[in-house]
Amino acid sequence: MSEYDQYLRLLLSRIPSSPNITDEKYITDEFVRQLSRSYGLEVFSKIKESLRWSMKNPDYNFKGIMEEIPHSNREIYQFLKNIVNKL
């Protein structure tokens, strides 16, 4: 388990119910603004740090953070990458 899991879990809890979470259309500027407003500056800073870490560790078991998510590890990684691309 990574020290970043708790912050990545906050993002994974926002995965859309759509079967195609890798579609960039789900990660809008408003989505990112809501993250910032929802968690405050300190936690949002940790979220961004966790996202940077996740991009350096694409083979990490992201699915293990929230096993109930019905998506593959690759799809979860792409979802996180789409968020990074909007920051």
N, C-alpha and C. Protein backbone atom coordinates (compact mmCIF):
# COMPACT_ATOMS: atom_id res chain seq x y z
N MET A 1 0.85 -1.18 0.00
CA MET A 1 0.00 0.00 0.00
C MET A 1 0.89 1.24 0.00
N SER A 2 0.52 2.21 -0.79
CA SER A 2 1.29 3.44 -0.94
C SER A 2 0.78 4.52 0.02
N GLU A 3 1.68 5.42 0.37
CA GLU A 3 1.28 6.56 1.20
C GLU A 3 0.29 7.46 0.47
N TYR A 4 0.20 7.30 -0.85
CA TYR A 4 -0.67 8.15 -1.66
C TYR A 4 -2.09 7.57 -1.81
N ASP A 5 -2.27 6.33 -1.38
CA ASP A 5 -3.56 5.66 -1.60
C ASP A 5 -4.75 6.46 -1.06
N GLN A 6 -4.61 7.04 0.11
CA GLN A 6 -5.76 7.76 0.70
C GLN A 6 -6.19 8.93 -0.18
N TYR A 7 -5.24 9.57 -0.86
CA TYR A 7 -5.59 10.70 -1.72
C TYR A 7 -6.11 10.22 -3.07
N LEU A 8 -5.54 9.14 -3.58
CA LEU A 8 -6.04 8.57 -4.82
C LEU A 8 -7.45 8.02 -4.62
N ARG A 9 -7.74 7.51 -3.45
CA ARG A 9 -9.07 7.01 -3.14
C ARG A 9 -10.12 8.13 -3.29
N LEU A 10 -9.76 9.34 -2.91
CA LEU A 10 -10.69 10.47 -3.07
C LEU A 10 -11.06 10.65 -4.54
N LEU A 11 -10.08 10.46 -5.42
CA LEU A 11 -10.34 10.59 -6.86
C LEU A 11 -11.13 9.40 -7.39
N LEU A 12 -10.75 8.21 -6.94
CA LEU A 12 -11.43 7.01 -7.42
C LEU A 12 -12.90 6.99 -7.00
N SER A 13 -13.20 7.62 -5.89
CA SER A 13 -14.60 7.67 -5.46
C SER A 13 -15.44 8.55 -6.39
N ARG A 14 -14.79 9.28 -7.26
CA ARG A 14 -15.49 10.16 -8.20
C ARG A 14 -15.55 9.58 -9.61
N ILE A 15 -15.14 8.34 -9.76
CA ILE A 15 -15.21 7.72 -11.08
C ILE A 15 -16.66 7.70 -11.53
N PRO A 16 -16.92 8.15 -12.76
CA PRO A 16 -18.30 8.17 -13.24
C PRO A 16 -18.84 6.75 -13.40
N SER A 17 -20.14 6.64 -13.37
CA SER A 17 -20.78 5.33 -13.49
C SER A 17 -20.74 4.80 -14.92
N SER A 18 -20.23 5.59 -15.83
CA SER A 18 -20.12 5.18 -17.22
C SER A 18 -19.19 3.99 -17.38
N PRO A 19 -19.48 3.13 -18.33
CA PRO A 19 -18.58 2.00 -18.56
C PRO A 19 -17.25 2.42 -19.19
N ASN A 20 -17.18 3.63 -19.74
CA ASN A 20 -15.96 4.09 -20.40
C ASN A 20 -15.33 5.24 -19.62
N ILE A 21 -14.64 4.94 -18.55
CA ILE A 21 -14.05 5.99 -17.71
C ILE A 21 -12.79 6.58 -18.31
N THR A 22 -12.29 5.98 -19.40
CA THR A 22 -11.06 6.49 -20.01
C THR A 22 -11.33 7.66 -20.95
N ASP A 23 -12.59 7.93 -21.22
CA ASP A 23 -12.96 9.04 -22.10
C ASP A 23 -12.64 10.36 -21.41
N GLU A 24 -11.86 11.19 -22.07
CA GLU A 24 -11.43 12.47 -21.49
C GLU A 24 -12.59 13.41 -21.22
N LYS A 25 -13.73 13.19 -21.84
CA LYS A 25 -14.85 14.13 -21.67
C LYS A 25 -15.37 14.17 -20.23
N TYR A 26 -15.06 13.14 -19.45
CA TYR A 26 -15.53 13.13 -18.05
C TYR A 26 -14.70 14.03 -17.14
N ILE A 27 -13.50 14.37 -17.59
CA ILE A 27 -12.63 15.21 -16.78
C ILE A 27 -12.62 16.62 -17.37
N THR A 28 -13.52 17.42 -16.87
CA THR A 28 -13.67 18.79 -17.36
C THR A 28 -12.94 19.76 -16.42
N ASP A 29 -12.83 20.98 -16.87
CA ASP A 29 -12.26 22.02 -16.00
C ASP A 29 -13.10 22.15 -14.73
N GLU A 30 -14.41 22.01 -14.87
CA GLU A 30 -15.29 22.10 -13.71
C GLU A 30 -15.04 20.95 -12.74
N PHE A 31 -14.77 19.77 -13.24
CA PHE A 31 -14.43 18.62 -12.40
C PHE A 31 -13.23 18.96 -11.53
N VAL A 32 -12.20 19.54 -12.13
CA VAL A 32 -10.98 19.89 -11.39
C VAL A 32 -11.26 21.01 -10.38
N ARG A 33 -12.06 22.00 -10.76
CA ARG A 33 -12.43 23.07 -9.83
C ARG A 33 -13.18 22.51 -8.63
N GLN A 34 -14.07 21.57 -8.88
CA GLN A 34 -14.83 20.95 -7.79
C GLN A 34 -13.91 20.21 -6.83
N LEU A 35 -12.91 19.53 -7.38
CA LEU A 35 -11.93 18.85 -6.52
C LEU A 35 -11.26 19.84 -5.60
N SER A 36 -10.80 20.93 -6.17
CA SER A 36 -10.10 21.95 -5.41
C SER A 36 -10.99 22.54 -4.32
N ARG A 37 -12.23 22.84 -4.66
CA ARG A 37 -13.17 23.41 -3.68
C ARG A 37 -13.57 22.40 -2.63
N SER A 38 -13.74 21.16 -3.02
CA SER A 38 -14.22 20.12 -2.10
C SER A 38 -13.22 19.78 -1.01
N TYR A 39 -11.95 19.79 -1.35
CA TYR A 39 -10.95 19.28 -0.42
C TYR A 39 -10.03 20.33 0.18
N GLY A 40 -10.09 21.54 -0.30
CA GLY A 40 -9.24 22.59 0.26
C GLY A 40 -7.81 22.50 -0.27
N LEU A 41 -7.06 23.54 -0.04
CA LEU A 41 -5.73 23.68 -0.62
C LEU A 41 -4.75 22.60 -0.17
N GLU A 42 -4.72 22.30 1.11
CA GLU A 42 -3.75 21.32 1.63
C GLU A 42 -4.01 19.92 1.07
N VAL A 43 -5.25 19.47 1.13
CA VAL A 43 -5.57 18.13 0.63
C VAL A 43 -5.44 18.09 -0.89
N PHE A 44 -5.88 19.16 -1.57
CA PHE A 44 -5.76 19.19 -3.03
C PHE A 44 -4.29 19.14 -3.45
N SER A 45 -3.43 19.76 -2.69
CA SER A 45 -2.00 19.69 -2.95
C SER A 45 -1.49 18.25 -2.84
N LYS A 46 -1.98 17.54 -1.83
CA LYS A 46 -1.61 16.12 -1.65
C LYS A 46 -2.19 15.26 -2.78
N ILE A 47 -3.37 15.60 -3.23
CA ILE A 47 -3.97 14.89 -4.36
C ILE A 47 -3.09 15.06 -5.59
N LYS A 48 -2.65 16.28 -5.86
CA LYS A 48 -1.79 16.52 -7.03
C LYS A 48 -0.46 15.79 -6.89
N GLU A 49 0.10 15.77 -5.71
CA GLU A 49 1.34 15.03 -5.46
C GLU A 49 1.11 13.54 -5.72
N SER A 50 -0.02 13.03 -5.28
CA SER A 50 -0.36 11.62 -5.49
C SER A 50 -0.54 11.31 -6.98
N LEU A 51 -1.13 12.23 -7.70
CA LEU A 51 -1.29 12.04 -9.14
C LEU A 51 0.06 12.02 -9.85
N ARG A 52 0.96 12.90 -9.45
CA ARG A 52 2.31 12.90 -10.05
C ARG A 52 2.99 11.56 -9.78
N TRP A 53 2.86 11.07 -8.55
CA TRP A 53 3.42 9.78 -8.20
C TRP A 53 2.81 8.66 -9.06
N SER A 54 1.51 8.72 -9.23
CA SER A 54 0.83 7.66 -9.99
C SER A 54 1.29 7.62 -11.44
N MET A 55 1.62 8.77 -12.02
CA MET A 55 2.08 8.80 -13.40
C MET A 55 3.47 8.17 -13.53
N LYS A 56 4.23 8.16 -12.46
CA LYS A 56 5.55 7.53 -12.47
C LYS A 56 5.47 6.04 -12.14
N ASN A 57 4.28 5.59 -11.75
CA ASN A 57 4.09 4.20 -11.32
C ASN A 57 2.87 3.57 -12.00
N PRO A 58 2.87 3.51 -13.33
CA PRO A 58 1.68 3.02 -14.04
C PRO A 58 1.33 1.57 -13.76
N ASP A 59 2.27 0.80 -13.25
CA ASP A 59 1.99 -0.61 -12.95
C ASP A 59 1.53 -0.83 -11.51
N TYR A 60 1.36 0.25 -10.77
CA TYR A 60 0.88 0.13 -9.40
C TYR A 60 -0.54 -0.45 -9.42
N ASN A 61 -0.91 -1.14 -8.37
CA ASN A 61 -2.24 -1.76 -8.28
C ASN A 61 -3.27 -0.72 -7.81
N PHE A 62 -3.69 0.14 -8.72
CA PHE A 62 -4.69 1.17 -8.40
C PHE A 62 -6.03 0.53 -8.07
N LYS A 63 -6.33 -0.57 -8.72
CA LYS A 63 -7.59 -1.27 -8.44
C LYS A 63 -7.63 -1.73 -6.99
N GLY A 64 -6.49 -2.03 -6.41
CA GLY A 64 -6.43 -2.47 -5.03
C GLY A 64 -6.84 -1.40 -4.04
N ILE A 65 -6.84 -0.14 -4.45
CA ILE A 65 -7.25 0.95 -3.57
C ILE A 65 -8.75 0.87 -3.30
N MET A 66 -9.50 0.56 -4.35
CA MET A 66 -10.96 0.41 -4.25
C MET A 66 -11.37 -0.75 -5.14
N GLU A 67 -11.27 -1.94 -4.62
CA GLU A 67 -11.52 -3.13 -5.43
C GLU A 67 -12.94 -3.22 -5.97
N GLU A 68 -13.86 -2.49 -5.36
CA GLU A 68 -15.25 -2.56 -5.82
C GLU A 68 -15.47 -1.81 -7.13
N ILE A 69 -14.50 -1.06 -7.59
CA ILE A 69 -14.63 -0.35 -8.86
C ILE A 69 -14.60 -1.37 -9.99
N PRO A 70 -15.59 -1.36 -10.86
CA PRO A 70 -15.67 -2.38 -11.91
C PRO A 70 -14.85 -2.05 -13.16
N HIS A 71 -13.65 -1.55 -12.96
CA HIS A 71 -12.79 -1.18 -14.09
C HIS A 71 -11.41 -1.79 -13.89
N SER A 72 -10.72 -1.96 -14.99
CA SER A 72 -9.39 -2.56 -14.93
C SER A 72 -8.37 -1.55 -14.39
N ASN A 73 -7.24 -2.07 -13.99
CA ASN A 73 -6.16 -1.20 -13.50
C ASN A 73 -5.75 -0.21 -14.59
N ARG A 74 -5.68 -0.68 -15.83
CA ARG A 74 -5.30 0.18 -16.96
C ARG A 74 -6.30 1.32 -17.13
N GLU A 75 -7.59 1.01 -17.01
CA GLU A 75 -8.63 2.04 -17.15
C GLU A 75 -8.53 3.06 -16.01
N ILE A 76 -8.27 2.58 -14.81
CA ILE A 76 -8.14 3.49 -13.67
C ILE A 76 -6.93 4.39 -13.86
N TYR A 77 -5.82 3.82 -14.32
CA TYR A 77 -4.62 4.63 -14.59
C TYR A 77 -4.94 5.71 -15.62
N GLN A 78 -5.65 5.35 -16.68
CA GLN A 78 -6.00 6.34 -17.72
C GLN A 78 -6.91 7.42 -17.15
N PHE A 79 -7.85 7.06 -16.30
CA PHE A 79 -8.71 8.04 -15.64
C PHE A 79 -7.85 9.04 -14.86
N LEU A 80 -6.89 8.53 -14.10
CA LEU A 80 -5.99 9.42 -13.33
C LEU A 80 -5.15 10.28 -14.27
N LYS A 81 -4.69 9.68 -15.34
CA LYS A 81 -3.88 10.43 -16.31
C LYS A 81 -4.69 11.57 -16.94
N ASN A 82 -5.96 11.30 -17.20
CA ASN A 82 -6.82 12.35 -17.76
C ASN A 82 -6.97 13.52 -16.78
N ILE A 83 -7.00 13.22 -15.49
CA ILE A 83 -7.06 14.29 -14.49
C ILE A 83 -5.77 15.09 -14.53
N VAL A 84 -4.64 14.40 -14.56
CA VAL A 84 -3.33 15.07 -14.63
C VAL A 84 -3.28 16.01 -15.83
N ASN A 85 -3.80 15.57 -16.94
CA ASN A 85 -3.77 16.38 -18.15
C ASN A 85 -4.61 17.65 -18.04
N LYS A 86 -5.54 17.69 -17.10
CA LYS A 86 -6.38 18.88 -16.89
C LYS A 86 -5.81 19.84 -15.84
N LEU A 87 -4.82 19.38 -15.09
CA LEU A 87 -4.26 20.24 -14.04
C LEU A 87 -3.35 21.29 -14.62
